[in-house]
Amino acid sequence: MTQIVSITSKGQATIPKELREKYGMRDKALVVETDEGILFKPLPTPGQDRGSLKQLMENKTALELVEEARRHEAKQSRRR
């Protein structure tokens, strides 16, 4: 799908409703510069994309990571 959109003097453009719905875009999006131009992507949830920490997190939930960090911190404080 190719559509023309207007850009305001503040640099704002409206993403067509059909595309927002198709890609699950709500109030925020990633804007990525590519060799071909600008790419808009839906903002991933923390569970979908963890960036450079993805391998370190080993598919653990945020709660599991917090609990693990607390156990580690408690262990360290007992050693002092």
N, C-alpha and C. Protein backbone atom coordinates (compact mmCIF):
# COMPACT_ATOMS: atom_id res chain seq x y z
N MET A 1 0.84 -1.17 0.00
CA MET A 1 0.00 0.00 0.00
C MET A 1 0.89 1.24 0.00
N THR A 2 0.62 2.15 -0.87
CA THR A 2 1.34 3.42 -0.94
C THR A 2 0.32 4.53 -0.83
N GLN A 3 0.56 5.46 0.08
CA GLN A 3 -0.33 6.60 0.25
C GLN A 3 0.50 7.85 0.44
N ILE A 4 -0.06 8.98 0.06
CA ILE A 4 0.58 10.27 0.29
C ILE A 4 0.00 10.85 1.57
N VAL A 5 0.86 11.33 2.46
CA VAL A 5 0.40 11.98 3.69
C VAL A 5 1.01 13.37 3.77
N SER A 6 0.32 14.24 4.46
CA SER A 6 0.82 15.61 4.64
C SER A 6 1.71 15.66 5.87
N ILE A 7 2.67 16.55 5.84
CA ILE A 7 3.55 16.77 6.99
C ILE A 7 3.34 18.21 7.44
N THR A 8 3.04 18.40 8.73
CA THR A 8 2.77 19.73 9.25
C THR A 8 4.07 20.51 9.43
N SER A 9 3.94 21.78 9.75
CA SER A 9 5.13 22.61 9.98
C SER A 9 5.92 22.14 11.20
N LYS A 10 5.28 21.38 12.07
CA LYS A 10 5.97 20.81 13.25
C LYS A 10 6.58 19.44 12.94
N GLY A 11 6.48 19.00 11.69
CA GLY A 11 7.07 17.71 11.31
C GLY A 11 6.18 16.52 11.60
N GLN A 12 4.92 16.75 11.89
CA GLN A 12 4.01 15.65 12.21
C GLN A 12 3.31 15.14 10.96
N ALA A 13 3.20 13.82 10.86
CA ALA A 13 2.48 13.18 9.76
C ALA A 13 1.51 12.18 10.37
N THR A 14 0.39 11.98 9.70
CA THR A 14 -0.59 11.02 10.18
C THR A 14 -0.40 9.71 9.44
N ILE A 15 -0.23 8.63 10.20
CA ILE A 15 -0.13 7.30 9.60
C ILE A 15 -1.56 6.86 9.31
N PRO A 16 -1.86 6.44 8.08
CA PRO A 16 -3.22 6.06 7.74
C PRO A 16 -3.79 5.00 8.69
N LYS A 17 -5.07 5.14 9.00
CA LYS A 17 -5.74 4.27 9.96
C LYS A 17 -5.58 2.79 9.62
N GLU A 18 -5.72 2.46 8.34
CA GLU A 18 -5.61 1.05 7.94
C GLU A 18 -4.25 0.47 8.31
N LEU A 19 -3.19 1.24 8.14
CA LEU A 19 -1.85 0.76 8.48
C LEU A 19 -1.65 0.70 10.00
N ARG A 20 -2.15 1.69 10.72
CA ARG A 20 -2.04 1.65 12.19
C ARG A 20 -2.73 0.41 12.74
N GLU A 21 -3.91 0.11 12.23
CA GLU A 21 -4.65 -1.07 12.70
C GLU A 21 -3.96 -2.36 12.28
N LYS A 22 -3.50 -2.42 11.04
CA LYS A 22 -2.85 -3.63 10.53
C LYS A 22 -1.61 -3.99 11.34
N TYR A 23 -0.81 -2.97 11.75
CA TYR A 23 0.44 -3.22 12.44
C TYR A 23 0.36 -2.99 13.94
N GLY A 24 -0.83 -2.74 14.47
CA GLY A 24 -1.01 -2.60 15.91
C GLY A 24 -0.33 -1.37 16.49
N MET A 25 -0.27 -0.30 15.73
CA MET A 25 0.36 0.93 16.21
C MET A 25 -0.66 1.71 17.04
N ARG A 26 -0.23 2.12 18.22
CA ARG A 26 -1.13 2.87 19.09
C ARG A 26 -0.59 4.28 19.29
N ASP A 27 -0.03 4.57 20.44
CA ASP A 27 0.40 5.94 20.72
C ASP A 27 1.88 6.20 20.46
N LYS A 28 2.68 5.16 20.20
CA LYS A 28 4.10 5.34 19.94
C LYS A 28 4.55 4.38 18.85
N ALA A 29 5.62 4.75 18.15
CA ALA A 29 6.19 3.91 17.10
C ALA A 29 7.68 4.14 17.05
N LEU A 30 8.40 3.16 16.53
CA LEU A 30 9.83 3.32 16.29
C LEU A 30 10.01 3.94 14.92
N VAL A 31 10.93 4.87 14.79
CA VAL A 31 11.27 5.46 13.51
C VAL A 31 12.72 5.09 13.25
N VAL A 32 12.95 4.35 12.16
CA VAL A 32 14.27 3.83 11.86
C VAL A 32 14.73 4.40 10.52
N GLU A 33 15.95 4.93 10.50
CA GLU A 33 16.52 5.41 9.26
C GLU A 33 17.16 4.23 8.54
N THR A 34 16.79 4.04 7.27
CA THR A 34 17.36 2.95 6.47
C THR A 34 17.99 3.54 5.22
N ASP A 35 18.65 2.70 4.44
CA ASP A 35 19.23 3.16 3.18
C ASP A 35 18.16 3.65 2.21
N GLU A 36 16.95 3.11 2.34
CA GLU A 36 15.87 3.48 1.44
C GLU A 36 15.06 4.67 1.94
N GLY A 37 15.21 5.04 3.18
CA GLY A 37 14.44 6.17 3.73
C GLY A 37 14.07 5.92 5.18
N ILE A 38 12.88 6.33 5.55
CA ILE A 38 12.42 6.23 6.93
C ILE A 38 11.44 5.06 7.04
N LEU A 39 11.60 4.26 8.09
CA LEU A 39 10.74 3.12 8.34
C LEU A 39 10.04 3.32 9.67
N PHE A 40 8.72 3.23 9.69
CA PHE A 40 7.95 3.28 10.93
C PHE A 40 7.63 1.85 11.33
N LYS A 41 7.89 1.52 12.59
CA LYS A 41 7.61 0.17 13.09
C LYS A 41 6.82 0.29 14.38
N PRO A 42 5.92 -0.68 14.64
CA PRO A 42 5.22 -0.68 15.92
C PRO A 42 6.23 -0.81 17.05
N LEU A 43 5.99 -0.13 18.15
CA LEU A 43 6.86 -0.23 19.30
C LEU A 43 6.65 -1.59 19.94
N PRO A 44 7.69 -2.42 20.03
CA PRO A 44 7.50 -3.76 20.60
C PRO A 44 7.28 -3.69 22.10
N THR A 45 6.56 -4.67 22.60
CA THR A 45 6.39 -4.78 24.04
C THR A 45 7.69 -5.34 24.62
N PRO A 46 7.94 -5.15 25.91
CA PRO A 46 9.17 -5.70 26.50
C PRO A 46 9.31 -7.20 26.29
N GLY A 47 8.20 -7.91 26.23
CA GLY A 47 8.27 -9.35 26.01
C GLY A 47 8.63 -9.72 24.59
N GLN A 48 8.36 -8.84 23.64
CA GLN A 48 8.66 -9.13 22.23
C GLN A 48 10.09 -8.84 21.85
N ASP A 49 10.64 -7.78 22.41
CA ASP A 49 11.97 -7.36 22.00
C ASP A 49 12.71 -6.79 23.19
N ARG A 50 13.86 -7.35 23.46
CA ARG A 50 14.65 -6.86 24.59
C ARG A 50 15.99 -6.32 24.13
N GLY A 51 16.09 -6.00 22.85
CA GLY A 51 17.30 -5.38 22.32
C GLY A 51 18.56 -6.17 22.59
N SER A 52 19.61 -5.47 22.98
CA SER A 52 20.91 -6.10 23.17
C SER A 52 20.95 -7.00 24.40
N LEU A 53 19.95 -6.90 25.27
CA LEU A 53 19.91 -7.72 26.48
C LEU A 53 19.15 -9.03 26.27
N LYS A 54 18.60 -9.23 25.08
CA LYS A 54 17.75 -10.39 24.84
C LYS A 54 18.41 -11.71 25.22
N GLN A 55 19.67 -11.91 24.83
CA GLN A 55 20.35 -13.17 25.15
C GLN A 55 20.62 -13.29 26.64
N LEU A 56 20.94 -12.18 27.29
CA LEU A 56 21.23 -12.22 28.73
C LEU A 56 19.99 -12.53 29.56
N MET A 57 18.84 -12.12 29.05
CA MET A 57 17.60 -12.29 29.81
C MET A 57 17.04 -13.70 29.70
N GLU A 58 17.50 -14.47 28.74
CA GLU A 58 17.14 -15.88 28.59
C GLU A 58 15.63 -16.11 28.65
N ASN A 59 14.86 -15.26 28.00
CA ASN A 59 13.40 -15.38 27.94
C ASN A 59 12.73 -15.38 29.31
N LYS A 60 13.32 -14.70 30.26
CA LYS A 60 12.71 -14.57 31.58
C LYS A 60 11.78 -13.37 31.60
N THR A 61 10.76 -13.45 32.44
CA THR A 61 9.86 -12.32 32.59
C THR A 61 10.54 -11.25 33.45
N ALA A 62 9.97 -10.05 33.42
CA ALA A 62 10.51 -8.96 34.24
C ALA A 62 10.47 -9.34 35.71
N LEU A 63 9.39 -9.99 36.15
CA LEU A 63 9.28 -10.40 37.54
C LEU A 63 10.37 -11.40 37.91
N GLU A 64 10.64 -12.34 37.04
CA GLU A 64 11.70 -13.31 37.30
C GLU A 64 13.06 -12.63 37.40
N LEU A 65 13.30 -11.66 36.54
CA LEU A 65 14.58 -10.93 36.58
C LEU A 65 14.72 -10.13 37.86
N VAL A 66 13.64 -9.48 38.30
CA VAL A 66 13.68 -8.70 39.54
C VAL A 66 13.93 -9.62 40.73
N GLU A 67 13.22 -10.74 40.78
CA GLU A 67 13.41 -11.69 41.89
C GLU A 67 14.84 -12.23 41.92
N GLU A 68 15.38 -12.53 40.74
CA GLU A 68 16.76 -13.01 40.65
C GLU A 68 17.74 -11.95 41.14
N ALA A 69 17.51 -10.71 40.75
CA ALA A 69 18.38 -9.61 41.19
C ALA A 69 18.29 -9.42 42.69
N ARG A 70 17.10 -9.54 43.27
CA ARG A 70 16.93 -9.40 44.72
C ARG A 70 17.64 -10.52 45.47
N ARG A 71 17.54 -11.75 44.95
CA ARG A 71 18.25 -12.87 45.59
C ARG A 71 19.76 -12.64 45.55
N HIS A 72 20.24 -12.17 44.40
CA HIS A 72 21.67 -11.90 44.25
C HIS A 72 22.11 -10.80 45.22
N GLU A 73 21.32 -9.74 45.31
CA GLU A 73 21.66 -8.63 46.20
C GLU A 73 21.64 -9.07 47.66
N ALA A 74 20.67 -9.89 48.03
CA ALA A 74 20.58 -10.38 49.41
C ALA A 74 21.80 -11.24 49.73
N LYS A 75 22.19 -12.07 48.78
CA LYS A 75 23.37 -12.93 48.95
C LYS A 75 24.63 -12.08 49.14
N GLN A 76 24.76 -11.02 48.34
CA GLN A 76 25.92 -10.13 48.44
C GLN A 76 25.95 -9.40 49.77
N SER A 77 24.80 -8.96 50.26
CA SER A 77 24.77 -8.22 51.52
C SER A 77 25.08 -9.12 52.71
N ARG A 78 24.76 -10.40 52.62
CA ARG A 78 25.10 -11.35 53.69
C ARG A 78 26.61 -11.56 53.76
N ARG A 79 27.30 -11.45 52.65
CA ARG A 79 28.74 -11.66 52.61
C ARG A 79 29.50 -10.50 53.25
N ARG A 80 28.88 -9.35 53.32
CA ARG A 80 29.59 -8.17 53.84
C ARG A 80 29.68 -8.17 55.30
